[in-house]
C-alpha atoms as a PDB file:
ATOM      1  CA  UNK A   1      19.430  21.065 -39.596  1.00  0.00           C
ATOM      2  CA  UNK A   2      17.114  23.509 -37.394  1.00  0.00           C
ATOM      3  CA  UNK A   3      16.949  27.368 -38.633  1.00  0.00           C
ATOM      4  CA  UNK A   4      15.196  29.760 -35.818  1.00  0.00           C
ATOM      5  CA  UNK A   5      13.771  33.406 -36.874  1.00  0.00           C
ATOM      6  CA  UNK A   6      12.868  35.069 -33.712  1.00  0.00           C
ATOM      7  CA  UNK A   7      10.079  37.978 -33.673  1.00  0.00           C
ATOM      8  CA  UNK A   8       7.614  40.046 -31.546  1.00  0.00           C
ATOM      9  CA  UNK A   9      10.356  42.285 -29.433  1.00  0.00           C
ATOM     10  CA  UNK A  10      10.023  45.744 -29.346  1.00  0.00           C
ATOM     11  CA  UNK A  11       9.598  48.631 -26.670  1.00  0.00           C
ATOM     12  CA  UNK A  12       7.814  48.205 -23.515  1.00  0.00           C
ATOM     13  CA  UNK A  13       6.660  50.141 -20.040  1.00  0.00           C
ATOM     14  CA  UNK A  14       7.711  48.343 -17.360  1.00  0.00           C
ATOM     15  CA  UNK A  15       5.071  45.806 -15.949  1.00  0.00           C
ATOM     16  CA  UNK A  16       3.588  45.717 -19.251  1.00  0.00           C
ATOM     17  CA  UNK A  17       3.891  42.331 -21.682  1.00  0.00           C
ATOM     18  CA  UNK A  18       4.991  40.535 -25.046  1.00  0.00           C
ATOM     19  CA  UNK A  19       5.148  37.674 -26.465  1.00  0.00           C
ATOM     20  CA  UNK A  20       8.262  36.423 -28.456  1.00  0.00           C
ATOM     21  CA  UNK A  21       7.918  34.148 -31.520  1.00  0.00           C
ATOM     22  CA  UNK A  22      10.439  31.851 -32.777  1.00  0.00           C
ATOM     23  CA  UNK A  23       9.578  29.843 -36.413  1.00  0.00           C
ATOM     24  CA  UNK A  24      11.559  26.845 -36.608  1.00  0.00           C
ATOM     25  CA  UNK A  25      12.555  25.518 -39.885  1.00  0.00           C
ATOM     26  CA  UNK A  26      13.634  21.747 -40.417  1.00  0.00           C
ATOM     27  CA  UNK A  27      12.495  17.976 -39.877  1.00  0.00           C
ATOM     28  CA  UNK A  28      14.089  18.001 -36.205  1.00  0.00           C
ATOM     29  CA  UNK A  29      11.913  20.751 -34.243  1.00  0.00           C
ATOM     30  CA  UNK A  30       9.217  18.340 -33.208  1.00  0.00           C
ATOM     31  CA  UNK A  31      11.916  16.148 -31.396  1.00  0.00           C
ATOM     32  CA  UNK A  32      14.299  18.813 -29.873  1.00  0.00           C
ATOM     33  CA  UNK A  33      14.064  20.440 -26.590  1.00  0.00           C
ATOM     34  CA  UNK A  34      14.230  24.367 -26.981  1.00  0.00           C
ATOM     35  CA  UNK A  35      15.430  27.198 -25.162  1.00  0.00           C
ATOM     36  CA  UNK A  36      15.107  31.017 -24.810  1.00  0.00           C
ATOM     37  CA  UNK A  37      18.667  32.573 -23.355  1.00  0.00           C
ATOM     38  CA  UNK A  38      19.043  36.267 -23.484  1.00  0.00           C
ATOM     39  CA  UNK A  39      22.204  38.766 -23.553  1.00  0.00           C
ATOM     40  CA  UNK A  40      21.803  42.089 -22.143  1.00  0.00           C
ATOM     41  CA  UNK A  41      24.453  44.511 -22.985  1.00  0.00           C
ATOM     42  CA  UNK A  42      28.094  43.952 -21.169  1.00  0.00           C
ATOM     43  CA  UNK A  43      26.918  40.579 -19.801  1.00  0.00           C
ATOM     44  CA  UNK A  44      27.129  36.903 -20.681  1.00  0.00           C
ATOM     45  CA  UNK A  45      24.005  35.319 -22.556  1.00  0.00           C
ATOM     46  CA  UNK A  46      22.457  33.712 -19.869  1.00  0.00           C
ATOM     47  CA  UNK A  47      19.606  30.918 -19.468  1.00  0.00           C
ATOM     48  CA  UNK A  48      15.727  32.159 -19.612  1.00  0.00           C
ATOM     49  CA  UNK A  49      13.774  29.281 -20.208  1.00  0.00           C
ATOM     50  CA  UNK A  50      13.914  26.068 -22.057  1.00  0.00           C
ATOM     51  CA  UNK A  51      10.751  23.212 -23.135  1.00  0.00           C
ATOM     52  CA  UNK A  52      11.154  19.476 -24.212  1.00  0.00           C
ATOM     53  CA  UNK A  53      10.412  17.954 -27.166  1.00  0.00           C
ATOM     54  CA  UNK A  54       6.288  17.736 -26.444  1.00  0.00           C
ATOM     55  CA  UNK A  55       5.752  20.403 -23.976  1.00  0.00           C
ATOM     56  CA  UNK A  56       4.963  18.640 -21.334  1.00  0.00           C
ATOM     57  CA  UNK A  57       8.699  19.646 -19.035  1.00  0.00           C
ATOM     58  CA  UNK A  58       9.330  23.672 -18.710  1.00  0.00           C
ATOM     59  CA  UNK A  59      12.250  24.944 -16.438  1.00  0.00           C
ATOM     60  CA  UNK A  60      12.718  29.043 -16.189  1.00  0.00           C
ATOM     61  CA  UNK A  61      14.957  30.629 -14.801  1.00  0.00           C
ATOM     62  CA  UNK A  62      14.534  32.033 -10.966  1.00  0.00           C
ATOM     63  CA  UNK A  63      14.675  35.599 -11.893  1.00  0.00           C
ATOM     64  CA  UNK A  64      11.780  35.235 -14.225  1.00  0.00           C
ATOM     65  CA  UNK A  65      10.018  31.927 -12.905  1.00  0.00           C
ATOM     66  CA  UNK A  66       6.328  33.119 -12.326  1.00  0.00           C
ATOM     67  CA  UNK A  67       6.560  36.174 -15.121  1.00  0.00           C
ATOM     68  CA  UNK A  68       7.535  34.462 -18.134  1.00  0.00           C
ATOM     69  CA  UNK A  69       6.124  31.437 -20.043  1.00  0.00           C
ATOM     70  CA  UNK A  70       7.167  29.012 -22.566  1.00  0.00           C
ATOM     71  CA  UNK A  71       5.260  27.158 -24.809  1.00  0.00           C
ATOM     72  CA  UNK A  72       5.470  25.503 -28.337  1.00  0.00           C
ATOM     73  CA  UNK A  73       3.291  24.028 -31.301  1.00  0.00           C
ATOM     74  CA  UNK A  74       5.101  21.267 -32.757  1.00  0.00           C
ATOM     75  CA  UNK A  75       2.380  21.034 -35.855  1.00  0.00           C
ATOM     76  CA  UNK A  76       3.661  24.683 -36.932  1.00  0.00           C
ATOM     77  CA  UNK A  77       6.934  24.581 -35.746  1.00  0.00           C
ATOM     78  CA  UNK A  78       6.676  27.352 -33.581  1.00  0.00           C
ATOM     79  CA  UNK A  79       8.312  28.586 -29.588  1.00  0.00           C
ATOM     80  CA  UNK A  80       6.761  30.917 -27.447  1.00  0.00           C
ATOM     81  CA  UNK A  81       7.487  33.037 -24.751  1.00  0.00           C
ATOM     82  CA  UNK A  82       5.235  34.978 -23.148  1.00  0.00           C
ATOM     83  CA  UNK A  83       7.024  37.986 -20.728  1.00  0.00           C
ATOM     84  CA  UNK A  84       4.628  39.524 -18.423  1.00  0.00           C
ATOM     85  CA  UNK A  85       5.517  42.001 -15.567  1.00  0.00           C
ATOM     86  CA  UNK A  86       8.428  42.969 -17.474  1.00  0.00           C
ATOM     87  CA  UNK A  87      11.002  44.516 -15.669  1.00  0.00           C
ATOM     88  CA  UNK A  88      13.967  47.226 -16.851  1.00  0.00           C
ATOM     89  CA  UNK A  89      16.111  44.121 -15.827  1.00  0.00           C
ATOM     90  CA  UNK A  90      14.801  42.125 -18.525  1.00  0.00           C
ATOM     91  CA  UNK A  91      16.028  44.287 -21.212  1.00  0.00           C
ATOM     92  CA  UNK A  92      18.465  42.382 -23.633  1.00  0.00           C
ATOM     93  CA  UNK A  93      18.410  40.339 -26.877  1.00  0.00           C
ATOM     94  CA  UNK A  94      16.387  37.176 -26.392  1.00  0.00           C
ATOM     95  CA  UNK A  95      17.451  34.117 -28.610  1.00  0.00           C
ATOM     96  CA  UNK A  96      15.970  31.113 -29.013  1.00  0.00           C
ATOM     97  CA  UNK A  97      17.662  27.823 -29.274  1.00  0.00           C
ATOM     98  CA  UNK A  98      17.361  24.348 -30.309  1.00  0.00           C
ATOM     99  CA  UNK A  99      18.948  21.445 -28.625  1.00  0.00           C
ATOM    100  CA  UNK A 100      19.904  17.758 -30.057  1.00  0.00           C
ATOM    101  CA  UNK A 101      18.226  16.564 -27.271  1.00  0.00           C
ATOM    102  CA  UNK A 102      14.265  15.850 -26.305  1.00  0.00           C
ATOM    103  CA  UNK A 103      13.662  15.896 -22.736  1.00  0.00           C
ATOM    104  CA  UNK A 104      14.765  17.952 -20.430  1.00  0.00           C
ATOM    105  CA  UNK A 105      16.524  15.877 -18.039  1.00  0.00           C
ATOM    106  CA  UNK A 106      19.720  14.439 -17.765  1.00  0.00           C
ATOM    107  CA  UNK A 107      21.824  17.140 -19.207  1.00  0.00           C
ATOM    108  CA  UNK A 108      22.303  20.928 -18.324  1.00  0.00           C
ATOM    109  CA  UNK A 109      19.786  23.001 -20.364  1.00  0.00           C
ATOM    110  CA  UNK A 110      21.000  25.968 -18.571  1.00  0.00           C
ATOM    111  CA  UNK A 111      24.233  25.832 -20.618  1.00  0.00           C
ATOM    112  CA  UNK A 112      24.590  27.719 -23.889  1.00  0.00           C
ATOM    113  CA  UNK A 113      26.955  25.454 -25.130  1.00  0.00           C
ATOM    114  CA  UNK A 114      24.211  22.658 -25.229  1.00  0.00           C
ATOM    115  CA  UNK A 115      22.387  24.317 -27.975  1.00  0.00           C
ATOM    116  CA  UNK A 116      23.712  23.809 -31.026  1.00  0.00           C
ATOM    117  CA  UNK A 117      21.348  26.162 -32.823  1.00  0.00           C
ATOM    118  CA  UNK A 118      20.525  29.850 -32.481  1.00  0.00           C
ATOM    119  CA  UNK A 119      18.328  32.482 -33.897  1.00  0.00           C
ATOM    120  CA  UNK A 120      19.551  35.745 -34.521  1.00  0.00           C
ATOM    121  CA  UNK A 121      17.996  37.485 -32.038  1.00  0.00           C
ATOM    122  CA  UNK A 122      15.399  39.698 -31.098  1.00  0.00           C
ATOM    123  CA  UNK A 123      15.741  42.920 -29.099  1.00  0.00           C
ATOM    124  CA  UNK A 124      13.633  43.574 -25.885  1.00  0.00           C
ATOM    125  CA  UNK A 125      13.543  46.816 -24.143  1.00  0.00           C
ATOM    126  CA  UNK A 126      11.589  47.913 -21.398  1.00  0.00           C
ATOM    127  CA  UNK A 127      11.238  51.214 -19.989  1.00  0.00           C
ATOM    128  CA  UNK A 128      11.337  52.055 -16.143  1.00  0.00           C
END
C-alpha cells in the first residue's frame, strides 16, 4: 500500500514556474513507477508525466514536453514535478499516482486506470 500527499500548487502568472512535490509512505514506493496526472474543470483526468522506479526512464505528454520535468528521490520517498513556462491551459488539479509496476515499458502508463494509488491533488492556477 502507498499513501500519497501532494503539495506545492498555487497561483502563478503565465510564463512562471512551480515545483510540485508528492510525499509517499509505504514500503513499495521505491519499486513503483510513478505518474503525474491533471484534471481541469469539466475535463477528464489526463496523463502528464511518469518515471520508472529508478528514475532512468521518463515520459511526458506532448502538451508539456520541454516545459515540465519529473524526478524522484527514493531515499526520501519523494516525487517531484517541475513546471516551467506555464500557460493558462496548464490550470488544473495535479495528482500524483503510484503504479504496481516498476518499469515504464510494456504497459499503458498514460492510462489513469493503471494506477491504483492516488493523492488528494494540488491546485495549480495560471493567470494569463
